[in-house]
């Protein structure tokens, strides 16, 4: 018994780290929490000013067919002359869960501004899972689903993917992976696009 006690005490940090690793491995919310902590350091921030705008890349939303939570199609002409924030996500995706609180904060900051549109596009195989996730977490962002193929210049299969379009429809930001969109620096970049 004494040998077991000595072994446990000498390996305590390894045991604790192993248990934490297993929890993070099997629990999506634990993964999301860890990723949110990393994102909060600023290491994973995305910047509109760093994005390269391709010459002649306008109306990136052309060909993007979406439905709102009631199944009604969203008319792409509604997006003209507006800044468009598009976030492709799924409820099962830990990086999506990690960044979603920052997307919600961004949405709450700008939701009354008529010159910006938020398209949080859920890519769950079963859209009910995405709706349930938003409701359980108290998120109020619009629930959008694709109603056709998504153009590759907007989404290439990796989650989460965030795209920001300027008023002309040009892609000003295309970021794949977790990021923190609730930073003042990102708000300033959105404000610059809104001018």
N, C-alpha and C. Protein backbone atom coordinates (compact mmCIF):
# COMPACT_ATOMS: atom_id res chain seq x y z
N UNK A 1 0.83 -1.19 0.00
CA UNK A 1 0.00 0.00 0.00
C UNK A 1 0.87 1.26 0.00
N UNK A 2 1.94 1.21 0.76
CA UNK A 2 2.85 2.35 0.85
C UNK A 2 3.52 2.60 -0.51
N UNK A 3 3.85 1.53 -1.24
CA UNK A 3 4.45 1.68 -2.57
C UNK A 3 3.48 2.34 -3.55
N UNK A 4 2.21 1.96 -3.46
CA UNK A 4 1.19 2.57 -4.32
C UNK A 4 1.06 4.05 -4.02
N UNK A 5 1.05 4.40 -2.76
CA UNK A 5 0.94 5.81 -2.35
C UNK A 5 2.13 6.60 -2.88
N UNK A 6 3.34 6.05 -2.76
CA UNK A 6 4.54 6.73 -3.27
C UNK A 6 4.47 6.89 -4.78
N UNK A 7 4.01 5.84 -5.46
CA UNK A 7 3.92 5.90 -6.93
C UNK A 7 2.92 6.98 -7.36
N UNK A 8 1.75 7.02 -6.70
CA UNK A 8 0.74 8.03 -7.02
C UNK A 8 1.28 9.43 -6.78
N UNK A 9 1.94 9.62 -5.64
CA UNK A 9 2.47 10.95 -5.32
C UNK A 9 3.56 11.37 -6.31
N UNK A 10 4.38 10.45 -6.72
CA UNK A 10 5.47 10.80 -7.64
C UNK A 10 4.96 11.01 -9.07
N UNK A 11 3.80 10.49 -9.39
CA UNK A 11 3.23 10.62 -10.73
C UNK A 11 1.94 11.44 -10.75
N UNK A 12 1.71 12.21 -9.72
CA UNK A 12 0.46 12.95 -9.60
C UNK A 12 0.23 13.90 -10.78
N UNK A 13 1.25 14.64 -11.15
CA UNK A 13 1.06 15.59 -12.26
C UNK A 13 0.74 14.86 -13.56
N UNK A 14 1.36 13.74 -13.80
CA UNK A 14 1.08 12.95 -15.01
C UNK A 14 -0.35 12.42 -14.98
N UNK A 15 -0.80 11.97 -13.84
CA UNK A 15 -2.16 11.45 -13.69
C UNK A 15 -3.18 12.57 -13.95
N UNK A 16 -2.95 13.72 -13.34
CA UNK A 16 -3.87 14.85 -13.51
C UNK A 16 -3.91 15.29 -14.98
N UNK A 17 -2.76 15.42 -15.61
CA UNK A 17 -2.71 15.82 -17.02
C UNK A 17 -3.39 14.79 -17.93
N UNK A 18 -3.22 13.51 -17.63
CA UNK A 18 -3.87 12.46 -18.41
C UNK A 18 -5.38 12.55 -18.29
N UNK A 19 -5.87 12.74 -17.07
CA UNK A 19 -7.31 12.87 -16.85
C UNK A 19 -7.85 14.11 -17.59
N UNK A 20 -7.14 15.23 -17.50
CA UNK A 20 -7.56 16.43 -18.22
C UNK A 20 -7.56 16.21 -19.73
N UNK A 21 -6.55 15.55 -20.24
CA UNK A 21 -6.47 15.25 -21.66
C UNK A 21 -7.66 14.40 -22.11
N UNK A 22 -8.01 13.41 -21.33
CA UNK A 22 -9.14 12.54 -21.67
C UNK A 22 -10.44 13.34 -21.66
N UNK A 23 -10.62 14.21 -20.67
CA UNK A 23 -11.82 15.04 -20.61
C UNK A 23 -11.91 15.94 -21.84
N UNK A 24 -10.81 16.57 -22.20
CA UNK A 24 -10.79 17.45 -23.37
C UNK A 24 -11.02 16.66 -24.65
N UNK A 25 -10.52 15.44 -24.69
CA UNK A 25 -10.66 14.59 -25.87
C UNK A 25 -12.11 14.19 -26.11
N UNK A 26 -12.86 13.91 -25.07
CA UNK A 26 -14.21 13.37 -25.23
C UNK A 26 -15.32 14.40 -25.03
N UNK A 27 -15.03 15.56 -24.49
CA UNK A 27 -16.06 16.54 -24.19
C UNK A 27 -15.92 17.77 -25.10
N UNK A 28 -16.87 17.96 -26.06
CA UNK A 28 -16.77 19.10 -26.97
C UNK A 28 -16.77 20.46 -26.26
N UNK A 29 -17.51 20.58 -25.17
CA UNK A 29 -17.53 21.85 -24.45
C UNK A 29 -16.18 22.14 -23.79
N UNK A 30 -15.51 21.09 -23.31
CA UNK A 30 -14.18 21.28 -22.72
C UNK A 30 -13.18 21.71 -23.80
N UNK A 31 -13.28 21.10 -24.99
CA UNK A 31 -12.41 21.51 -26.10
C UNK A 31 -12.67 22.96 -26.46
N UNK A 32 -13.95 23.32 -26.53
CA UNK A 32 -14.32 24.70 -26.88
C UNK A 32 -13.78 25.68 -25.84
N UNK A 33 -13.89 25.32 -24.57
CA UNK A 33 -13.37 26.19 -23.51
C UNK A 33 -11.87 26.39 -23.69
N UNK A 34 -11.14 25.31 -23.92
CA UNK A 34 -9.69 25.42 -24.09
C UNK A 34 -9.34 26.30 -25.30
N UNK A 35 -10.04 26.09 -26.41
CA UNK A 35 -9.78 26.90 -27.60
C UNK A 35 -10.13 28.37 -27.38
N UNK A 36 -11.20 28.62 -26.62
CA UNK A 36 -11.59 29.99 -26.30
C UNK A 36 -10.49 30.68 -25.49
N UNK A 37 -9.86 29.92 -24.57
CA UNK A 37 -8.78 30.48 -23.77
C UNK A 37 -7.58 30.83 -24.64
N UNK A 38 -7.27 29.96 -25.60
CA UNK A 38 -6.16 30.23 -26.52
C UNK A 38 -6.50 31.44 -27.39
N UNK A 39 -7.74 31.49 -27.90
CA UNK A 39 -8.15 32.61 -28.76
C UNK A 39 -8.11 33.93 -28.00
N UNK A 40 -8.41 33.90 -26.72
CA UNK A 40 -8.43 35.14 -25.93
C UNK A 40 -7.04 35.76 -25.77
N UNK A 41 -6.02 34.96 -26.03
CA UNK A 41 -4.65 35.50 -25.93
C UNK A 41 -4.31 36.41 -27.10
N UNK A 42 -5.11 36.33 -28.18
CA UNK A 42 -4.85 37.14 -29.36
C UNK A 42 -4.02 36.43 -30.41
N UNK A 43 -3.56 35.24 -30.10
CA UNK A 43 -2.74 34.47 -31.04
C UNK A 43 -3.53 34.15 -32.31
N UNK A 44 -4.81 33.87 -32.16
CA UNK A 44 -5.62 33.41 -33.28
C UNK A 44 -6.51 34.50 -33.90
N UNK A 45 -6.25 35.75 -33.60
CA UNK A 45 -7.09 36.81 -34.14
C UNK A 45 -6.94 36.90 -35.64
N UNK A 46 -8.04 37.24 -36.28
CA UNK A 46 -7.99 37.49 -37.72
C UNK A 46 -8.17 38.99 -37.91
N UNK A 47 -7.66 39.47 -39.01
CA UNK A 47 -7.70 40.90 -39.24
C UNK A 47 -8.16 41.19 -40.66
N UNK A 48 -9.12 42.08 -40.76
CA UNK A 48 -9.61 42.48 -42.08
C UNK A 48 -8.50 43.20 -42.84
N UNK A 49 -7.72 43.99 -42.14
CA UNK A 49 -6.68 44.77 -42.80
C UNK A 49 -5.59 43.87 -43.40
N UNK A 50 -5.43 42.66 -42.88
CA UNK A 50 -4.43 41.75 -43.41
C UNK A 50 -4.92 40.98 -44.62
N UNK A 51 -6.23 40.95 -44.83
CA UNK A 51 -6.78 40.19 -45.93
C UNK A 51 -6.42 40.85 -47.26
N UNK A 52 -6.12 40.02 -48.22
CA UNK A 52 -5.79 40.54 -49.54
C UNK A 52 -7.05 40.49 -50.39
N UNK A 53 -7.44 41.63 -50.94
CA UNK A 53 -8.61 41.70 -51.81
C UNK A 53 -8.15 41.41 -53.22
N UNK A 54 -8.76 40.40 -53.83
CA UNK A 54 -8.42 40.07 -55.21
C UNK A 54 -9.01 41.12 -56.14
N UNK A 55 -8.21 41.62 -57.09
CA UNK A 55 -8.74 42.60 -58.03
C UNK A 55 -9.94 42.02 -58.78
N UNK A 56 -10.99 42.79 -58.85
CA UNK A 56 -12.18 42.37 -59.56
C UNK A 56 -13.04 41.38 -58.81
N UNK A 57 -12.72 41.09 -57.56
CA UNK A 57 -13.53 40.13 -56.80
C UNK A 57 -14.69 40.89 -56.15
N UNK A 58 -15.78 40.89 -56.84
CA UNK A 58 -16.97 41.56 -56.31
C UNK A 58 -18.14 40.60 -56.32
N UNK A 59 -19.15 40.95 -55.58
CA UNK A 59 -20.38 40.17 -55.48
C UNK A 59 -20.08 38.69 -55.19
N UNK A 60 -19.27 38.46 -54.15
CA UNK A 60 -18.92 37.10 -53.76
C UNK A 60 -20.14 36.30 -53.32
N UNK A 61 -21.22 37.00 -52.98
CA UNK A 61 -22.42 36.30 -52.53
C UNK A 61 -23.24 35.78 -53.70
N UNK A 62 -22.85 36.09 -54.93
CA UNK A 62 -23.56 35.57 -56.09
C UNK A 62 -23.45 34.05 -56.07
N UNK A 63 -24.56 33.39 -56.21
CA UNK A 63 -24.58 31.93 -56.17
C UNK A 63 -24.77 31.36 -54.78
N UNK A 64 -24.79 32.20 -53.78
CA UNK A 64 -25.00 31.74 -52.40
C UNK A 64 -26.51 31.73 -52.13
N UNK A 65 -27.05 30.54 -51.98
CA UNK A 65 -28.50 30.39 -51.76
C UNK A 65 -28.69 29.88 -50.33
N UNK A 66 -29.37 30.71 -49.53
CA UNK A 66 -29.55 30.40 -48.11
C UNK A 66 -31.01 30.46 -47.72
N UNK A 67 -31.32 29.78 -46.60
CA UNK A 67 -32.66 29.82 -46.01
C UNK A 67 -32.56 30.32 -44.58
N UNK A 68 -33.59 31.07 -44.16
CA UNK A 68 -33.64 31.48 -42.75
C UNK A 68 -34.23 30.34 -41.92
N UNK A 69 -34.36 30.56 -40.62
CA UNK A 69 -34.81 29.48 -39.74
C UNK A 69 -36.23 29.00 -40.03
N UNK A 70 -36.99 29.78 -40.79
CA UNK A 70 -38.36 29.39 -41.12
C UNK A 70 -38.44 28.72 -42.49
N UNK A 71 -37.28 28.56 -43.16
CA UNK A 71 -37.25 27.90 -44.45
C UNK A 71 -37.41 28.83 -45.64
N UNK A 72 -37.57 30.12 -45.39
CA UNK A 72 -37.72 31.09 -46.49
C UNK A 72 -36.34 31.40 -47.08
N UNK A 73 -36.30 31.50 -48.41
CA UNK A 73 -35.05 31.83 -49.08
C UNK A 73 -34.66 33.27 -48.80
N UNK A 74 -33.36 33.49 -48.66
CA UNK A 74 -32.83 34.84 -48.45
C UNK A 74 -32.44 35.38 -49.81
N UNK A 75 -33.03 36.49 -50.19
CA UNK A 75 -32.78 37.11 -51.48
C UNK A 75 -31.38 37.73 -51.48
N UNK A 76 -30.49 37.28 -52.40
CA UNK A 76 -29.13 37.83 -52.43
C UNK A 76 -29.09 39.35 -52.67
N UNK A 77 -30.10 39.91 -53.30
CA UNK A 77 -30.10 41.36 -53.54
C UNK A 77 -30.18 42.13 -52.22
N UNK A 78 -30.65 41.45 -51.17
CA UNK A 78 -30.71 42.05 -49.84
C UNK A 78 -29.31 42.38 -49.32
N UNK A 79 -28.31 41.70 -49.84
CA UNK A 79 -26.94 41.87 -49.38
C UNK A 79 -26.20 43.01 -50.09
N UNK A 80 -26.76 43.50 -51.17
CA UNK A 80 -26.10 44.55 -51.95
C UNK A 80 -25.90 45.81 -51.11
N UNK A 81 -24.74 46.43 -51.27
CA UNK A 81 -24.38 47.68 -50.59
C UNK A 81 -24.36 47.55 -49.07
N UNK A 82 -24.13 46.34 -48.59
CA UNK A 82 -24.04 46.11 -47.14
C UNK A 82 -22.74 45.37 -46.84
N UNK A 83 -22.22 45.58 -45.64
CA UNK A 83 -21.12 44.76 -45.14
C UNK A 83 -21.76 43.44 -44.71
N UNK A 84 -21.17 42.33 -45.11
CA UNK A 84 -21.76 41.02 -44.81
C UNK A 84 -20.74 40.19 -44.02
N UNK A 85 -21.15 39.75 -42.84
CA UNK A 85 -20.34 38.87 -41.99
C UNK A 85 -20.94 37.47 -42.12
N UNK A 86 -20.17 36.55 -42.68
CA UNK A 86 -20.64 35.17 -42.87
C UNK A 86 -19.78 34.25 -42.02
N UNK A 87 -20.44 33.41 -41.23
CA UNK A 87 -19.73 32.44 -40.40
C UNK A 87 -20.34 31.07 -40.68
N UNK A 88 -19.51 30.14 -41.18
CA UNK A 88 -19.93 28.76 -41.42
C UNK A 88 -19.54 27.95 -40.20
N UNK A 89 -20.51 27.25 -39.60
CA UNK A 89 -20.28 26.56 -38.34
C UNK A 89 -21.14 25.31 -38.24
N UNK A 90 -20.85 24.48 -37.24
CA UNK A 90 -21.67 23.31 -36.92
C UNK A 90 -21.64 23.11 -35.41
N UNK A 91 -22.71 22.56 -34.88
CA UNK A 91 -22.82 22.41 -33.43
C UNK A 91 -21.84 21.37 -32.88
N UNK A 92 -21.41 20.42 -33.68
CA UNK A 92 -20.50 19.37 -33.24
C UNK A 92 -19.03 19.79 -33.28
N UNK A 93 -18.76 20.97 -33.82
CA UNK A 93 -17.39 21.44 -34.10
C UNK A 93 -16.84 22.22 -32.90
N UNK A 94 -15.85 21.67 -32.16
CA UNK A 94 -15.30 22.38 -31.00
C UNK A 94 -14.74 23.77 -31.32
N UNK A 95 -14.00 23.97 -32.43
CA UNK A 95 -13.54 25.33 -32.72
C UNK A 95 -14.71 26.31 -32.96
N UNK A 96 -15.78 25.79 -33.57
CA UNK A 96 -16.97 26.64 -33.78
C UNK A 96 -17.57 27.04 -32.44
N UNK A 97 -17.67 26.08 -31.54
CA UNK A 97 -18.20 26.36 -30.20
C UNK A 97 -17.32 27.34 -29.46
N UNK A 98 -16.01 27.25 -29.71
CA UNK A 98 -15.07 28.14 -29.02
C UNK A 98 -15.24 29.58 -29.48
N UNK A 99 -15.43 29.80 -30.78
CA UNK A 99 -15.50 31.18 -31.27
C UNK A 99 -16.91 31.76 -31.25
N UNK A 100 -17.93 30.92 -31.06
CA UNK A 100 -19.30 31.42 -31.18
C UNK A 100 -19.66 32.51 -30.18
N UNK A 101 -19.18 32.47 -28.94
CA UNK A 101 -19.48 33.59 -28.03
C UNK A 101 -18.98 34.93 -28.58
N UNK A 102 -17.85 34.94 -29.28
CA UNK A 102 -17.36 36.20 -29.84
C UNK A 102 -18.19 36.63 -31.04
N UNK A 103 -18.69 35.67 -31.82
CA UNK A 103 -19.59 35.99 -32.93
C UNK A 103 -20.87 36.60 -32.39
N UNK A 104 -21.38 36.03 -31.30
CA UNK A 104 -22.59 36.55 -30.66
C UNK A 104 -22.38 37.98 -30.16
N UNK A 105 -21.22 38.26 -29.55
CA UNK A 105 -20.93 39.62 -29.08
C UNK A 105 -20.87 40.60 -30.24
N UNK A 106 -20.23 40.19 -31.33
CA UNK A 106 -20.16 41.04 -32.53
C UNK A 106 -21.57 41.31 -33.05
N UNK A 107 -22.38 40.27 -33.13
CA UNK A 107 -23.76 40.42 -33.61
C UNK A 107 -24.55 41.39 -32.73
N UNK A 108 -24.44 41.23 -31.42
CA UNK A 108 -25.19 42.11 -30.51
C UNK A 108 -24.75 43.57 -30.66
N UNK A 109 -23.47 43.78 -30.93
CA UNK A 109 -22.97 45.14 -31.08
C UNK A 109 -23.54 45.81 -32.33
N UNK A 110 -23.72 45.06 -33.40
CA UNK A 110 -24.10 45.66 -34.68
C UNK A 110 -25.50 45.29 -35.19
N UNK A 111 -26.26 44.51 -34.43
CA UNK A 111 -27.53 43.99 -34.96
C UNK A 111 -28.54 45.07 -35.33
N UNK A 112 -28.42 46.26 -34.74
CA UNK A 112 -29.38 47.33 -35.08
C UNK A 112 -28.88 48.20 -36.24
N UNK A 113 -27.67 47.93 -36.72
CA UNK A 113 -27.12 48.71 -37.83
C UNK A 113 -27.65 48.12 -39.15
N UNK A 114 -28.41 48.89 -39.92
CA UNK A 114 -28.99 48.36 -41.16
C UNK A 114 -27.96 48.13 -42.28
N UNK A 115 -26.73 48.57 -42.08
CA UNK A 115 -25.71 48.46 -43.13
C UNK A 115 -24.82 47.22 -42.99
N UNK A 116 -25.14 46.36 -42.03
CA UNK A 116 -24.38 45.11 -41.87
C UNK A 116 -25.36 43.95 -41.73
N UNK A 117 -25.02 42.84 -42.38
CA UNK A 117 -25.86 41.65 -42.35
C UNK A 117 -25.03 40.50 -41.77
N UNK A 118 -25.63 39.74 -40.89
CA UNK A 118 -24.98 38.58 -40.29
C UNK A 118 -25.61 37.31 -40.85
N UNK A 119 -24.78 36.47 -41.44
CA UNK A 119 -25.22 35.18 -41.95
C UNK A 119 -24.42 34.10 -41.22
N UNK A 120 -25.00 33.54 -40.17
CA UNK A 120 -24.34 32.46 -39.43
C UNK A 120 -24.92 31.16 -39.98
N UNK A 121 -24.18 30.56 -40.89
CA UNK A 121 -24.66 29.44 -41.70
C UNK A 121 -24.33 28.12 -41.02
N UNK A 122 -25.37 27.42 -40.58
CA UNK A 122 -25.21 26.15 -39.89
C UNK A 122 -25.06 25.02 -40.90
N UNK A 123 -24.03 24.20 -40.72
CA UNK A 123 -23.74 23.10 -41.64
C UNK A 123 -23.91 21.73 -41.00
N UNK A 124 -24.68 21.65 -39.91
CA UNK A 124 -25.00 20.35 -39.32
C UNK A 124 -25.81 19.54 -40.34
N UNK A 125 -25.60 18.23 -40.36
CA UNK A 125 -26.41 17.37 -41.24
C UNK A 125 -27.88 17.46 -40.84
N UNK A 126 -28.13 17.61 -39.56
CA UNK A 126 -29.48 17.77 -39.04
C UNK A 126 -29.58 19.20 -38.48
N UNK A 127 -30.24 20.12 -39.20
CA UNK A 127 -30.30 21.51 -38.73
C UNK A 127 -30.92 21.67 -37.34
N UNK A 128 -31.73 20.71 -36.92
CA UNK A 128 -32.31 20.77 -35.58
C UNK A 128 -31.25 20.80 -34.50
N UNK A 129 -30.13 20.14 -34.74
CA UNK A 129 -29.04 20.13 -33.76
C UNK A 129 -28.46 21.53 -33.59
N UNK A 130 -28.32 22.26 -34.70
CA UNK A 130 -27.81 23.62 -34.64
C UNK A 130 -28.77 24.55 -33.92
N UNK A 131 -30.06 24.42 -34.21
CA UNK A 131 -31.07 25.25 -33.54
C UNK A 131 -31.06 24.98 -32.04
N UNK A 132 -30.98 23.70 -31.68
CA UNK A 132 -30.96 23.33 -30.26
C UNK A 132 -29.74 23.91 -29.57
N UNK A 133 -28.58 23.83 -30.23
CA UNK A 133 -27.35 24.38 -29.64
C UNK A 133 -27.50 25.87 -29.38
N UNK A 134 -27.99 26.63 -30.36
CA UNK A 134 -28.16 28.07 -30.18
C UNK A 134 -29.10 28.37 -29.01
N UNK A 135 -30.19 27.63 -28.95
CA UNK A 135 -31.19 27.86 -27.90
C UNK A 135 -30.62 27.53 -26.51
N UNK A 136 -29.93 26.39 -26.41
CA UNK A 136 -29.36 25.98 -25.12
C UNK A 136 -28.33 26.97 -24.60
N UNK A 137 -27.56 27.55 -25.51
CA UNK A 137 -26.50 28.49 -25.12
C UNK A 137 -27.00 29.93 -25.03
N UNK A 138 -28.24 30.18 -25.44
CA UNK A 138 -28.80 31.53 -25.36
C UNK A 138 -28.29 32.47 -26.45
N UNK A 139 -27.80 31.92 -27.57
CA UNK A 139 -27.32 32.76 -28.66
C UNK A 139 -28.50 33.28 -29.48
N UNK A 140 -28.37 34.50 -29.96
CA UNK A 140 -29.47 35.16 -30.68
C UNK A 140 -29.13 35.45 -32.14
N UNK A 141 -27.98 34.99 -32.61
CA UNK A 141 -27.61 35.23 -34.01
C UNK A 141 -28.63 34.57 -34.93
N UNK A 142 -28.77 35.09 -36.15
CA UNK A 142 -29.71 34.47 -37.10
C UNK A 142 -29.29 33.02 -37.41
N UNK A 143 -30.27 32.13 -37.46
CA UNK A 143 -30.02 30.74 -37.82
C UNK A 143 -30.27 30.59 -39.31
N UNK A 144 -29.21 30.31 -40.04
CA UNK A 144 -29.26 30.24 -41.50
C UNK A 144 -28.75 28.86 -41.92
N UNK A 145 -29.35 28.29 -42.98
CA UNK A 145 -28.86 27.03 -43.54
C UNK A 145 -28.71 27.21 -45.05
N UNK A 146 -27.81 26.42 -45.66
CA UNK A 146 -27.66 26.51 -47.11
C UNK A 146 -28.86 25.87 -47.81
N UNK A 147 -29.24 26.43 -48.95
CA UNK A 147 -30.33 25.87 -49.75
C UNK A 147 -29.78 25.41 -51.10
N UNK A 148 -28.49 25.31 -51.20
CA UNK A 148 -27.82 24.89 -52.43
C UNK A 148 -26.33 24.79 -52.15
N UNK A 149 -25.57 24.62 -53.21
CA UNK A 149 -24.12 24.55 -53.04
C UNK A 149 -23.57 25.90 -52.61
N UNK A 150 -22.53 25.86 -51.80
CA UNK A 150 -21.87 27.09 -51.34
C UNK A 150 -20.67 27.33 -52.25
N UNK A 151 -20.54 28.54 -52.81
CA UNK A 151 -19.40 28.83 -53.66
C UNK A 151 -18.07 28.57 -52.93
N UNK A 152 -17.12 27.96 -53.65
CA UNK A 152 -15.84 27.58 -53.04
C UNK A 152 -15.02 28.77 -52.57
N UNK A 153 -15.21 29.94 -53.17
CA UNK A 153 -14.44 31.09 -52.70
C UNK A 153 -14.92 31.57 -51.34
N UNK A 154 -16.10 31.10 -50.90
CA UNK A 154 -16.60 31.44 -49.57
C UNK A 154 -16.31 30.33 -48.56
N UNK A 155 -16.47 29.08 -48.97
CA UNK A 155 -16.32 27.96 -48.04
C UNK A 155 -15.67 26.78 -48.75
N UNK A 156 -14.57 26.29 -48.17
CA UNK A 156 -13.83 25.20 -48.81
C UNK A 156 -13.89 23.89 -48.04
N UNK A 157 -14.77 23.79 -47.06
CA UNK A 157 -14.94 22.54 -46.33
C UNK A 157 -14.40 22.52 -44.92
N UNK A 158 -13.70 23.56 -44.49
CA UNK A 158 -13.14 23.60 -43.14
C UNK A 158 -14.01 24.46 -42.23
N UNK A 159 -14.21 23.97 -41.01
CA UNK A 159 -15.00 24.70 -40.03
C UNK A 159 -14.13 25.11 -38.85
N UNK A 160 -14.42 26.24 -38.25
CA UNK A 160 -15.28 27.30 -38.76
C UNK A 160 -14.57 28.10 -39.85
N UNK A 161 -15.36 28.69 -40.71
CA UNK A 161 -14.84 29.60 -41.73
C UNK A 161 -15.63 30.89 -41.63
N UNK A 162 -14.92 32.00 -41.59
CA UNK A 162 -15.55 33.31 -41.51
C UNK A 162 -15.12 34.14 -42.71
N UNK A 163 -16.10 34.79 -43.32
CA UNK A 163 -15.86 35.64 -44.48
C UNK A 163 -16.53 36.98 -44.22
N UNK A 164 -15.82 38.07 -44.51
CA UNK A 164 -16.41 39.40 -44.42
C UNK A 164 -16.35 40.01 -45.82
N UNK A 165 -17.51 40.46 -46.28
CA UNK A 165 -17.61 41.13 -47.58
C UNK A 165 -17.80 42.61 -47.36
N UNK A 166 -17.18 43.43 -48.21
CA UNK A 166 -17.41 44.87 -48.12
C UNK A 166 -18.68 45.24 -48.88
N UNK A 167 -18.99 46.50 -48.94
CA UNK A 167 -20.24 46.95 -49.56
C UNK A 167 -20.34 46.60 -51.05
N UNK A 168 -19.20 46.39 -51.69
CA UNK A 168 -19.20 46.03 -53.12
C UNK A 168 -19.28 44.52 -53.32
N UNK A 169 -19.27 43.79 -52.23
CA UNK A 169 -19.33 42.33 -52.31
C UNK A 169 -17.97 41.68 -52.41
N UNK A 170 -16.90 42.46 -52.28
CA UNK A 170 -15.54 41.90 -52.34
C UNK A 170 -15.20 41.24 -51.01
N UNK A 171 -14.49 40.14 -51.08
CA UNK A 171 -14.05 39.43 -49.87
C UNK A 171 -12.92 40.23 -49.23
N UNK A 172 -13.16 40.72 -48.03
CA UNK A 172 -12.16 41.49 -47.30
C UNK A 172 -11.48 40.66 -46.22
N UNK A 173 -12.13 39.58 -45.81
CA UNK A 173 -11.55 38.65 -44.83
C UNK A 173 -12.04 37.26 -45.17
N UNK A 174 -11.13 36.31 -45.18
CA UNK A 174 -11.48 34.89 -45.32
C UNK A 174 -10.61 34.15 -44.33
N UNK A 175 -11.21 33.74 -43.22
CA UNK A 175 -10.44 33.13 -42.13
C UNK A 175 -11.00 31.74 -41.83
N UNK A 176 -10.11 30.76 -41.79
CA UNK A 176 -10.49 29.40 -41.43
C UNK A 176 -9.87 29.09 -40.07
N UNK A 177 -10.70 28.55 -39.17
CA UNK A 177 -10.24 28.22 -37.83
C UNK A 177 -10.81 29.19 -36.82
N UNK A 178 -10.56 28.89 -35.56
CA UNK A 178 -11.11 29.68 -34.46
C UNK A 178 -10.47 31.07 -34.42
N UNK A 179 -11.28 32.07 -34.10
CA UNK A 179 -10.79 33.44 -33.93
C UNK A 179 -11.70 34.15 -32.93
N UNK A 180 -11.23 35.28 -32.45
CA UNK A 180 -12.01 36.08 -31.50
C UNK A 180 -12.47 37.35 -32.22
N UNK A 181 -13.77 37.42 -32.49
CA UNK A 181 -14.34 38.57 -33.21
C UNK A 181 -14.92 39.62 -32.27
N UNK A 182 -14.63 39.49 -30.98
CA UNK A 182 -15.17 40.46 -30.01
C UNK A 182 -14.11 41.43 -29.51
N UNK A 183 -13.04 41.57 -30.24
CA UNK A 183 -11.97 42.50 -29.86
C UNK A 183 -12.25 43.89 -30.43
N UNK A 184 -11.84 44.92 -29.71
CA UNK A 184 -12.02 46.30 -30.19
C UNK A 184 -11.36 46.52 -31.54
N UNK A 185 -10.22 45.89 -31.77
CA UNK A 185 -9.52 46.05 -33.04
C UNK A 185 -10.37 45.54 -34.20
N UNK A 186 -11.10 44.44 -34.00
CA UNK A 186 -11.96 43.92 -35.06
C UNK A 186 -13.17 44.84 -35.26
N UNK A 187 -13.71 45.37 -34.16
CA UNK A 187 -14.83 46.31 -34.27
C UNK A 187 -14.42 47.53 -35.10
N UNK A 188 -13.20 48.03 -34.88
CA UNK A 188 -12.72 49.19 -35.63
C UNK A 188 -12.63 48.88 -37.13
N UNK A 189 -12.22 47.65 -37.44
CA UNK A 189 -12.13 47.26 -38.85
C UNK A 189 -13.52 47.17 -39.48
N UNK A 190 -14.48 46.65 -38.73
CA UNK A 190 -15.87 46.61 -39.23
C UNK A 190 -16.38 48.04 -39.41
N UNK A 191 -16.11 48.90 -38.43
CA UNK A 191 -16.54 50.31 -38.53
C UNK A 191 -15.97 50.98 -39.77
N UNK A 192 -14.71 50.67 -40.10
CA UNK A 192 -14.08 51.26 -41.29
C UNK A 192 -14.79 50.80 -42.56
N UNK A 193 -15.23 49.55 -42.61
CA UNK A 193 -15.96 49.05 -43.77
C UNK A 193 -17.35 49.68 -43.87
N UNK A 194 -17.91 50.04 -42.73
CA UNK A 194 -19.26 50.62 -42.72
C UNK A 194 -19.28 52.08 -43.15
N UNK A 195 -18.11 52.75 -43.18
CA UNK A 195 -18.06 54.17 -43.55
C UNK A 195 -18.27 54.36 -45.03
